[in-house]
Amino acid sequence: MMVNITESPSEFLHLDEMSVKELLAGINREDAKIASAVGAVIPQIEVLVDKILERMPRGGRVFYIGAGTSGRLGVLDASEIPPTFGVSPGIIIGLIAGGDKALRSAVEAAEDNTTQAWKDLEAFDIGDQDTLIGIAASGTTPYVIGGINTARAKGLLTGCITCNPGSPLAQAAEYPIEAVAGPEFVTGSTRMKAGSAQKLVLNMISTTLMIKMGRVKGNKMVNMQLTNKKLVERGTRMIVDELNIPAEEAKALLLQHGSVKKVLDTASR
């Protein structure tokens, strides 16, 4: 039976009567619980990541679906993967109920449609080598549950990230992740602790996948896209450290080859 912790009353009373310092300290106290909640589900995350890694070398992709804050977090994580790790935008894809308009404004009733998620996914020729991860703090979002149910029936690998134990979404997904961080500081405001917990889990999944797929060398983002001056300077420092050459030469090689990895691969031949 589901326990709806994300809708439970805040442990703090009379927020409207608190001072600014009291409010900030209270939010911080609650935020301190998030890392422990995520740490407790590392075994669940590990199993899902291992299963995804079996599929990605065969061309499998990862799709995130969610509504509201959860959907925005999925789109955010997916959008940061190509520039950080130098992969195609089609490797990890985030979809939000209501489409891109919902990234900025609420789209009425979009999350209540049980069939729309699969329709959205079909536009990407989604197949049985792909993975679908449903994101919903409550674990009850119809858009997400409907997508997971259809995907699992069609043989896709399915996982989810939720912040309530025993939710319908966790029951629908093959590999659920239930990061239970407790009631929100403002009752039901899941953009806070639940959203932060979901973001941490997404970071862990996508970063681990990219490392294991060879997109990191040592602890460096050697495949990052050189989209601004800061990243060019970062890449230059990496090459200087690895090859022990002057910065001017390192920068010239970086701009010539387009990535740190290509420079290092060329130097090792």
C-alpha atoms as a PDB file:
ATOM      1  CA  MET A   1       0.000   0.000   0.000  1.00  0.00           C
ATOM      2  CA  MET A   2       1.298   3.404  -0.976  1.00  0.00           C
ATOM      3  CA  VAL A   3       2.252   5.912   1.719  1.00  0.00           C
ATOM      4  CA  ASN A   4       1.912   9.426   0.282  1.00  0.00           C
ATOM      5  CA  ILE A   5       4.869  11.020   2.032  1.00  0.00           C
ATOM      6  CA  THR A   6       5.304  13.791  -0.537  1.00  0.00           C
ATOM      7  CA  GLU A   7       1.856  15.132   0.412  1.00  0.00           C
ATOM      8  CA  SER A   8       2.342  14.716   4.160  1.00  0.00           C
ATOM      9  CA  PRO A   9       2.191  17.868   6.314  1.00  0.00           C
ATOM     10  CA  SER A  10       5.404  19.802   6.797  1.00  0.00           C
ATOM     11  CA  GLU A  11       7.228  19.220  10.049  1.00  0.00           C
ATOM     12  CA  PHE A  12       7.366  23.015  10.448  1.00  0.00           C
ATOM     13  CA  LEU A  13       4.350  25.001  11.632  1.00  0.00           C
ATOM     14  CA  HIS A  14       3.446  28.638  10.937  1.00  0.00           C
ATOM     15  CA  LEU A  15       5.970  29.282   8.163  1.00  0.00           C
ATOM     16  CA  ASP A  16       4.311  32.622   7.525  1.00  0.00           C
ATOM     17  CA  GLU A  17       5.302  33.782  11.008  1.00  0.00           C
ATOM     18  CA  MET A  18       8.981  32.808  10.743  1.00  0.00           C
ATOM     19  CA  SER A  19      11.851  35.228  10.220  1.00  0.00           C
ATOM     20  CA  VAL A  20      13.948  35.046   7.075  1.00  0.00           C
ATOM     21  CA  LYS A  21      16.762  33.380   9.031  1.00  0.00           C
ATOM     22  CA  GLU A  22      14.388  30.782  10.468  1.00  0.00           C
ATOM     23  CA  LEU A  23      12.992  29.974   7.030  1.00  0.00           C
ATOM     24  CA  LEU A  24      16.433  29.583   5.471  1.00  0.00           C
ATOM     25  CA  ALA A  25      17.684  27.439   8.350  1.00  0.00           C
ATOM     26  CA  GLY A  26      14.584  25.253   8.172  1.00  0.00           C
ATOM     27  CA  ILE A  27      14.908  24.678   4.447  1.00  0.00           C
ATOM     28  CA  ASN A  28      18.584  23.863   4.893  1.00  0.00           C
ATOM     29  CA  ARG A  29      17.789  21.399   7.684  1.00  0.00           C
ATOM     30  CA  GLU A  30      15.376  19.562   5.437  1.00  0.00           C
ATOM     31  CA  ASP A  31      17.770  19.629   2.478  1.00  0.00           C
ATOM     32  CA  ALA A  32      20.388  17.893   4.622  1.00  0.00           C
ATOM     33  CA  LYS A  33      18.196  14.768   4.573  1.00  0.00           C
ATOM     34  CA  ILE A  34      18.283  14.396   0.787  1.00  0.00           C
ATOM     35  CA  ALA A  35      21.735  12.889   0.302  1.00  0.00           C
ATOM     36  CA  SER A  36      21.018  10.163   2.854  1.00  0.00           C
ATOM     37  CA  ALA A  37      17.744   9.312   1.142  1.00  0.00           C
ATOM     38  CA  VAL A  38      19.534   8.969  -2.185  1.00  0.00           C
ATOM     39  CA  GLY A  39      22.396   7.028  -0.622  1.00  0.00           C
ATOM     40  CA  ALA A  40      19.913   4.470   0.669  1.00  0.00           C
ATOM     41  CA  VAL A  41      18.786   3.612  -2.878  1.00  0.00           C
ATOM     42  CA  ILE A  42      22.216   3.230  -4.491  1.00  0.00           C
ATOM     43  CA  PRO A  43      21.600  -0.548  -4.834  1.00  0.00           C
ATOM     44  CA  GLN A  44      18.426   0.199  -6.824  1.00  0.00           C
ATOM     45  CA  ILE A  45      20.268   2.708  -9.005  1.00  0.00           C
ATOM     46  CA  GLU A  46      23.140   0.263  -9.570  1.00  0.00           C
ATOM     47  CA  VAL A  47      20.862  -2.489 -10.866  1.00  0.00           C
ATOM     48  CA  LEU A  48      19.161  -0.138 -13.329  1.00  0.00           C
ATOM     49  CA  VAL A  49      22.455   1.317 -14.595  1.00  0.00           C
ATOM     50  CA  ASP A  50      23.918  -2.162 -15.093  1.00  0.00           C
ATOM     51  CA  LYS A  51      20.879  -3.162 -17.141  1.00  0.00           C
ATOM     52  CA  ILE A  52      21.116  -0.002 -19.275  1.00  0.00           C
ATOM     53  CA  LEU A  53      24.809  -0.653 -19.912  1.00  0.00           C
ATOM     54  CA  GLU A  54      23.915  -4.017 -21.425  1.00  0.00           C
ATOM     55  CA  ARG A  55      21.833  -2.219 -24.063  1.00  0.00           C
ATOM     56  CA  MET A  56      23.716   0.986 -24.857  1.00  0.00           C
ATOM     57  CA  PRO A  57      26.573  -0.716 -26.773  1.00  0.00           C
ATOM     58  CA  ARG A  58      23.881  -2.203 -29.020  1.00  0.00           C
ATOM     59  CA  GLY A  59      22.508   1.248 -29.803  1.00  0.00           C
ATOM     60  CA  GLY A  60      20.068   1.485 -26.938  1.00  0.00           C
ATOM     61  CA  ARG A  61      19.025   4.943 -25.838  1.00  0.00           C
ATOM     62  CA  VAL A  62      17.676   6.295 -22.547  1.00  0.00           C
ATOM     63  CA  PHE A  63      14.415   8.233 -22.439  1.00  0.00           C
ATOM     64  CA  TYR A  64      13.129  10.222 -19.467  1.00  0.00           C
ATOM     65  CA  ILE A  65       9.439  11.084 -19.162  1.00  0.00           C
ATOM     66  CA  GLY A  66       7.811  13.268 -16.534  1.00  0.00           C
ATOM     67  CA  ALA A  67       5.373  16.092 -15.881  1.00  0.00           C
ATOM     68  CA  GLY A  68       5.927  19.456 -14.221  1.00  0.00           C
ATOM     69  CA  THR A  69       9.087  19.683 -12.145  1.00  0.00           C
ATOM     70  CA  SER A  70       9.915  16.021 -12.754  1.00  0.00           C
ATOM     71  CA  GLY A  71       9.661  16.457 -16.509  1.00  0.00           C
ATOM     72  CA  ARG A  72      11.790  19.593 -16.436  1.00  0.00           C
ATOM     73  CA  LEU A  73      14.492  17.802 -14.463  1.00  0.00           C
ATOM     74  CA  GLY A  74      14.600  14.997 -17.031  1.00  0.00           C
ATOM     75  CA  VAL A  75      14.864  17.426 -19.931  1.00  0.00           C
ATOM     76  CA  LEU A  76      17.587  19.356 -18.083  1.00  0.00           C
ATOM     77  CA  ASP A  77      19.684  16.272 -17.427  1.00  0.00           C
ATOM     78  CA  ALA A  78      19.334  15.017 -20.997  1.00  0.00           C
ATOM     79  CA  SER A  79      20.184  18.423 -22.491  1.00  0.00           C
ATOM     80  CA  GLU A  80      23.434  18.662 -20.522  1.00  0.00           C
ATOM     81  CA  ILE A  81      24.838  15.322 -21.679  1.00  0.00           C
ATOM     82  CA  PRO A  82      25.934  16.247 -25.259  1.00  0.00           C
ATOM     83  CA  PRO A  83      28.028  19.316 -24.326  1.00  0.00           C
ATOM     84  CA  THR A  84      29.501  17.650 -21.254  1.00  0.00           C
ATOM     85  CA  PHE A  85      30.442  14.330 -22.824  1.00  0.00           C
ATOM     86  CA  GLY A  86      30.483  15.038 -26.565  1.00  0.00           C
ATOM     87  CA  VAL A  87      27.768  12.545 -27.496  1.00  0.00           C
ATOM     88  CA  SER A  88      24.806  12.809 -29.854  1.00  0.00           C
ATOM     89  CA  PRO A  89      21.688  14.540 -28.481  1.00  0.00           C
ATOM     90  CA  GLY A  90      19.859  11.318 -29.304  1.00  0.00           C
ATOM     91  CA  ILE A  91      21.613   9.174 -26.686  1.00  0.00           C
ATOM     92  CA  ILE A  92      19.652  10.436 -23.675  1.00  0.00           C
ATOM     93  CA  ILE A  93      16.348  12.146 -24.413  1.00  0.00           C
ATOM     94  CA  GLY A  94      14.019  13.962 -22.020  1.00  0.00           C
ATOM     95  CA  LEU A  95      10.303  14.422 -22.668  1.00  0.00           C
ATOM     96  CA  ILE A  96       7.824  16.455 -20.632  1.00  0.00           C
ATOM     97  CA  ALA A  97       4.044  16.160 -20.584  1.00  0.00           C
ATOM     98  CA  GLY A  98       2.642  18.986 -22.660  1.00  0.00           C
ATOM     99  CA  GLY A  99       5.752  19.343 -24.823  1.00  0.00           C
ATOM    100  CA  ASP A 100       8.413  22.044 -24.774  1.00  0.00           C
ATOM    101  CA  LYS A 101       5.846  24.721 -23.873  1.00  0.00           C
ATOM    102  CA  ALA A 102       5.511  23.007 -20.488  1.00  0.00           C
ATOM    103  CA  LEU A 103       9.161  23.743 -19.701  1.00  0.00           C
ATOM    104  CA  ARG A 104       8.155  27.319 -18.891  1.00  0.00           C
ATOM    105  CA  SER A 105       4.403  27.233 -18.299  1.00  0.00           C
ATOM    106  CA  ALA A 106       1.980  24.657 -16.923  1.00  0.00           C
ATOM    107  CA  VAL A 107      -0.029  22.872 -19.620  1.00  0.00           C
ATOM    108  CA  GLU A 108      -3.488  22.116 -18.289  1.00  0.00           C
ATOM    109  CA  ALA A 109      -4.296  18.411 -17.758  1.00  0.00           C
ATOM    110  CA  ALA A 110      -1.237  17.246 -19.759  1.00  0.00           C
ATOM    111  CA  GLU A 111      -0.092  14.973 -16.945  1.00  0.00           C
ATOM    112  CA  ASP A 112      -3.491  13.254 -16.712  1.00  0.00           C
ATOM    113  CA  ASN A 113      -3.338  11.714 -20.208  1.00  0.00           C
ATOM    114  CA  THR A 114      -2.426   8.027 -19.905  1.00  0.00           C
ATOM    115  CA  THR A 115      -1.712   7.456 -23.616  1.00  0.00           C
ATOM    116  CA  GLN A 116       0.159  10.600 -24.649  1.00  0.00           C
ATOM    117  CA  ALA A 117       3.580   9.560 -23.348  1.00  0.00           C
ATOM    118  CA  TRP A 118       3.792   6.614 -25.701  1.00  0.00           C
ATOM    119  CA  LYS A 119       2.632   8.788 -28.596  1.00  0.00           C
ATOM    120  CA  ASP A 120       5.411  11.244 -27.740  1.00  0.00           C
ATOM    121  CA  LEU A 121       7.943   8.400 -27.623  1.00  0.00           C
ATOM    122  CA  GLU A 122       6.849   6.928 -30.946  1.00  0.00           C
ATOM    123  CA  ALA A 123       8.116  10.076 -32.671  1.00  0.00           C
ATOM    124  CA  PHE A 124      11.623   8.809 -31.827  1.00  0.00           C
ATOM    125  CA  ASP A 125      11.095   5.296 -33.252  1.00  0.00           C
ATOM    126  CA  ILE A 126      11.530   3.912 -29.762  1.00  0.00           C
ATOM    127  CA  GLY A 127      12.344   0.197 -29.694  1.00  0.00           C
ATOM    128  CA  ASP A 128      13.073  -2.760 -27.463  1.00  0.00           C
ATOM    129  CA  GLN A 129      16.779  -1.903 -27.040  1.00  0.00           C
ATOM    130  CA  ASP A 130      15.838   1.429 -25.474  1.00  0.00           C
ATOM    131  CA  THR A 131      15.246   2.240 -21.799  1.00  0.00           C
ATOM    132  CA  LEU A 132      12.412   4.341 -20.421  1.00  0.00           C
ATOM    133  CA  ILE A 133      12.763   5.996 -17.003  1.00  0.00           C
ATOM    134  CA  GLY A 134       9.630   7.549 -15.574  1.00  0.00           C
ATOM    135  CA  ILE A 135      10.118  10.461 -13.170  1.00  0.00           C
ATOM    136  CA  ALA A 136       7.336  11.392 -10.749  1.00  0.00           C
ATOM    137  CA  ALA A 137       7.776  12.555  -7.172  1.00  0.00           C
ATOM    138  CA  SER A 138       4.359  11.258  -6.150  1.00  0.00           C
ATOM    139  CA  GLY A 139       4.588   8.091  -8.231  1.00  0.00           C
ATOM    140  CA  THR A 140       1.011   8.620  -9.357  1.00  0.00           C
ATOM    141  CA  THR A 141       1.288  10.725 -12.534  1.00  0.00           C
ATOM    142  CA  PRO A 142      -0.936   9.115 -15.227  1.00  0.00           C
ATOM    143  CA  TYR A 143       1.194  10.365 -18.146  1.00  0.00           C
ATOM    144  CA  VAL A 144       4.264   8.661 -16.692  1.00  0.00           C
ATOM    145  CA  ILE A 145       2.557   5.452 -15.543  1.00  0.00           C
ATOM    146  CA  GLY A 146       0.852   5.037 -18.908  1.00  0.00           C
ATOM    147  CA  GLY A 147       4.145   5.403 -20.739  1.00  0.00           C
ATOM    148  CA  ILE A 148       5.912   2.923 -18.462  1.00  0.00           C
ATOM    149  CA  ASN A 149       3.112   0.358 -18.755  1.00  0.00           C
ATOM    150  CA  THR A 150       3.157   0.477 -22.553  1.00  0.00           C
ATOM    151  CA  ALA A 151       6.949   0.412 -22.756  1.00  0.00           C
ATOM    152  CA  ARG A 152       7.228  -2.583 -20.466  1.00  0.00           C
ATOM    153  CA  ALA A 153       4.556  -4.453 -22.425  1.00  0.00           C
ATOM    154  CA  LYS A 154       6.568  -3.850 -25.590  1.00  0.00           C
ATOM    155  CA  GLY A 155       9.775  -5.240 -24.107  1.00  0.00           C
ATOM    156  CA  LEU A 156      11.646  -2.072 -23.210  1.00  0.00           C
ATOM    157  CA  LEU A 157      13.736  -1.820 -20.081  1.00  0.00           C
ATOM    158  CA  THR A 158      11.775   0.332 -17.623  1.00  0.00           C
ATOM    159  CA  GLY A 159      12.822   2.185 -14.500  1.00  0.00           C
ATOM    160  CA  CYS A 160      11.478   5.045 -12.444  1.00  0.00           C
ATOM    161  CA  ILE A 161      12.483   7.680  -9.924  1.00  0.00           C
ATOM    162  CA  THR A 162       9.897   8.477  -7.276  1.00  0.00           C
ATOM    163  CA  CYS A 163       9.840   9.773  -3.716  1.00  0.00           C
ATOM    164  CA  ASN A 164       6.960   7.741  -2.276  1.00  0.00           C
ATOM    165  CA  PRO A 165       7.258   4.078  -1.285  1.00  0.00           C
ATOM    166  CA  GLY A 166       4.937   1.538  -2.893  1.00  0.00           C
ATOM    167  CA  SER A 167       3.561   3.892  -5.544  1.00  0.00           C
ATOM    168  CA  PRO A 168       1.703   2.797  -8.699  1.00  0.00           C
ATOM    169  CA  LEU A 169       4.679   3.970 -10.765  1.00  0.00           C
ATOM    170  CA  ALA A 170       7.127   1.857  -8.769  1.00  0.00           C
ATOM    171  CA  GLN A 171       4.852  -1.141  -9.245  1.00  0.00           C
ATOM    172  CA  ALA A 172       4.651  -0.498 -12.994  1.00  0.00           C
ATOM    173  CA  ALA A 173       8.400  -0.145 -13.590  1.00  0.00           C
ATOM    174  CA  GLU A 174      10.694  -3.159 -13.719  1.00  0.00           C
ATOM    175  CA  TYR A 175      13.480  -1.363 -11.834  1.00  0.00           C
ATOM    176  CA  PRO A 176      12.057   1.278  -9.472  1.00  0.00           C
ATOM    177  CA  ILE A 177      14.147   3.783  -7.538  1.00  0.00           C
ATOM    178  CA  GLU A 178      12.327   5.141  -4.471  1.00  0.00           C
ATOM    179  CA  ALA A 179      14.282   7.997  -2.898  1.00  0.00           C
ATOM    180  CA  VAL A 180      12.127   8.914   0.092  1.00  0.00           C
ATOM    181  CA  ALA A 181      13.300  12.224   1.521  1.00  0.00           C
ATOM    182  CA  GLY A 182      10.298  12.894   3.764  1.00  0.00           C
ATOM    183  CA  PRO A 183       7.661  15.654   3.850  1.00  0.00           C
ATOM    184  CA  GLU A 184       8.431  18.932   2.133  1.00  0.00           C
ATOM    185  CA  PHE A 185       9.237  22.146   4.025  1.00  0.00           C
ATOM    186  CA  VAL A 186       6.199  23.679   2.331  1.00  0.00           C
ATOM    187  CA  THR A 187       3.598  20.913   2.374  1.00  0.00           C
ATOM    188  CA  GLY A 188       3.378  19.204  -1.022  1.00  0.00           C
ATOM    189  CA  SER A 189       5.944  21.450  -2.753  1.00  0.00           C
ATOM    190  CA  THR A 190       7.837  18.632  -4.454  1.00  0.00           C
ATOM    191  CA  ARG A 191      10.026  21.031  -6.424  1.00  0.00           C
ATOM    192  CA  MET A 192      12.037  21.208  -3.193  1.00  0.00           C
ATOM    193  CA  LYS A 193      13.327  18.029  -1.499  1.00  0.00           C
ATOM    194  CA  ALA A 194      11.761  15.563  -3.919  1.00  0.00           C
ATOM    195  CA  GLY A 195      12.997  17.548  -6.910  1.00  0.00           C
ATOM    196  CA  SER A 196      16.494  17.746  -5.458  1.00  0.00           C
ATOM    197  CA  ALA A 197      16.516  13.996  -4.792  1.00  0.00           C
ATOM    198  CA  GLN A 198      15.400  13.284  -8.352  1.00  0.00           C
ATOM    199  CA  LYS A 199      18.107  15.580  -9.733  1.00  0.00           C
ATOM    200  CA  LEU A 200      20.786  13.772  -7.726  1.00  0.00           C
ATOM    201  CA  VAL A 201      19.616  10.387  -8.999  1.00  0.00           C
ATOM    202  CA  LEU A 202      19.526  11.616 -12.598  1.00  0.00           C
ATOM    203  CA  ASN A 203      23.063  12.996 -12.220  1.00  0.00           C
ATOM    204  CA  MET A 204      24.220   9.636 -10.908  1.00  0.00           C
ATOM    205  CA  ILE A 205      22.594   7.624 -13.683  1.00  0.00           C
ATOM    206  CA  SER A 206      23.694   9.718 -16.651  1.00  0.00           C
ATOM    207  CA  THR A 207      27.204  10.474 -15.367  1.00  0.00           C
ATOM    208  CA  THR A 208      27.898   6.829 -14.536  1.00  0.00           C
ATOM    209  CA  LEU A 209      26.620   5.749 -17.949  1.00  0.00           C
ATOM    210  CA  MET A 210      28.886   8.220 -19.731  1.00  0.00           C
ATOM    211  CA  ILE A 211      31.937   7.221 -17.691  1.00  0.00           C
ATOM    212  CA  LYS A 212      31.354   3.530 -18.344  1.00  0.00           C
ATOM    213  CA  MET A 213      30.807   4.258 -22.050  1.00  0.00           C
ATOM    214  CA  GLY A 214      34.318   5.729 -22.224  1.00  0.00           C
ATOM    215  CA  ARG A 215      33.457   9.433 -22.333  1.00  0.00           C
ATOM    216  CA  VAL A 216      35.757  10.336 -19.394  1.00  0.00           C
ATOM    217  CA  LYS A 217      39.519   9.809 -19.007  1.00  0.00           C
ATOM    218  CA  GLY A 218      40.764   9.687 -15.440  1.00  0.00           C
ATOM    219  CA  ASN A 219      38.524  12.320 -13.908  1.00  0.00           C
ATOM    220  CA  LYS A 220      38.429  14.654 -16.927  1.00  0.00           C
ATOM    221  CA  MET A 221      35.670  15.515 -19.422  1.00  0.00           C
ATOM    222  CA  VAL A 222      37.940  14.874 -22.384  1.00  0.00           C
ATOM    223  CA  ASN A 223      35.042  14.749 -24.859  1.00  0.00           C
ATOM    224  CA  MET A 224      33.348  18.005 -23.836  1.00  0.00           C
ATOM    225  CA  GLN A 225      32.246  20.350 -26.607  1.00  0.00           C
ATOM    226  CA  LEU A 226      34.311  23.517 -26.884  1.00  0.00           C
ATOM    227  CA  THR A 227      31.365  25.885 -26.860  1.00  0.00           C
ATOM    228  CA  ASN A 228      32.909  28.825 -24.998  1.00  0.00           C
ATOM    229  CA  LYS A 229      36.174  30.388 -23.844  1.00  0.00           C
ATOM    230  CA  LYS A 230      36.002  28.771 -20.386  1.00  0.00           C
ATOM    231  CA  LEU A 231      35.790  25.285 -21.875  1.00  0.00           C
ATOM    232  CA  VAL A 232      38.629  25.940 -24.300  1.00  0.00           C
ATOM    233  CA  GLU A 233      40.769  27.053 -21.359  1.00  0.00           C
ATOM    234  CA  ARG A 234      39.751  23.979 -19.362  1.00  0.00           C
ATOM    235  CA  GLY A 235      40.637  21.712 -22.265  1.00  0.00           C
ATOM    236  CA  THR A 236      43.961  23.467 -22.703  1.00  0.00           C
ATOM    237  CA  ARG A 237      44.841  22.848 -19.052  1.00  0.00           C
ATOM    238  CA  MET A 238      43.963  19.164 -19.424  1.00  0.00           C
ATOM    239  CA  ILE A 239      46.333  18.804 -22.366  1.00  0.00           C
ATOM    240  CA  VAL A 240      49.096  20.697 -20.582  1.00  0.00           C
ATOM    241  CA  ASP A 241      48.747  18.384 -17.576  1.00  0.00           C
ATOM    242  CA  GLU A 242      48.713  15.221 -19.700  1.00  0.00           C
ATOM    243  CA  LEU A 243      51.405  16.061 -22.247  1.00  0.00           C
ATOM    244  CA  ASN A 244      53.558  18.547 -20.307  1.00  0.00           C
ATOM    245  CA  ILE A 245      53.685  21.008 -23.206  1.00  0.00           C
ATOM    246  CA  PRO A 246      53.331  24.826 -23.266  1.00  0.00           C
ATOM    247  CA  ALA A 247      49.804  26.208 -23.013  1.00  0.00           C
ATOM    248  CA  GLU A 248      50.020  27.907 -26.409  1.00  0.00           C
ATOM    249  CA  GLU A 249      50.869  24.635 -28.115  1.00  0.00           C
ATOM    250  CA  ALA A 250      48.167  22.791 -26.162  1.00  0.00           C
ATOM    251  CA  LYS A 251      45.514  25.310 -27.164  1.00  0.00           C
ATOM    252  CA  ALA A 252      46.513  25.146 -30.816  1.00  0.00           C
ATOM    253  CA  LEU A 253      46.264  21.357 -30.790  1.00  0.00           C
ATOM    254  CA  LEU A 254      42.901  21.501 -29.042  1.00  0.00           C
ATOM    255  CA  LEU A 255      41.438  23.884 -31.599  1.00  0.00           C
ATOM    256  CA  GLN A 256      42.913  21.820 -34.437  1.00  0.00           C
ATOM    257  CA  HIS A 257      41.498  18.473 -33.279  1.00  0.00           C
ATOM    258  CA  GLY A 258      38.302  19.685 -31.585  1.00  0.00           C
ATOM    259  CA  SER A 259      38.519  17.714 -28.338  1.00  0.00           C
ATOM    260  CA  VAL A 260      40.957  16.801 -25.605  1.00  0.00           C
ATOM    261  CA  LYS A 261      40.505  13.116 -26.321  1.00  0.00           C
ATOM    262  CA  LYS A 262      41.455  13.465 -29.975  1.00  0.00           C
ATOM    263  CA  VAL A 263      44.594  15.393 -29.003  1.00  0.00           C
ATOM    264  CA  LEU A 264      45.601  12.736 -26.493  1.00  0.00           C
ATOM    265  CA  ASP A 265      44.810   9.894 -28.885  1.00  0.00           C
ATOM    266  CA  THR A 266      46.930  11.531 -31.580  1.00  0.00           C
ATOM    267  CA  ALA A 267      49.818  12.074 -29.157  1.00  0.00           C
ATOM    268  CA  SER A 268      49.792   8.434 -28.056  1.00  0.00           C
ATOM    269  CA  ARG A 269      50.185   7.019 -31.570  1.00  0.00           C
END
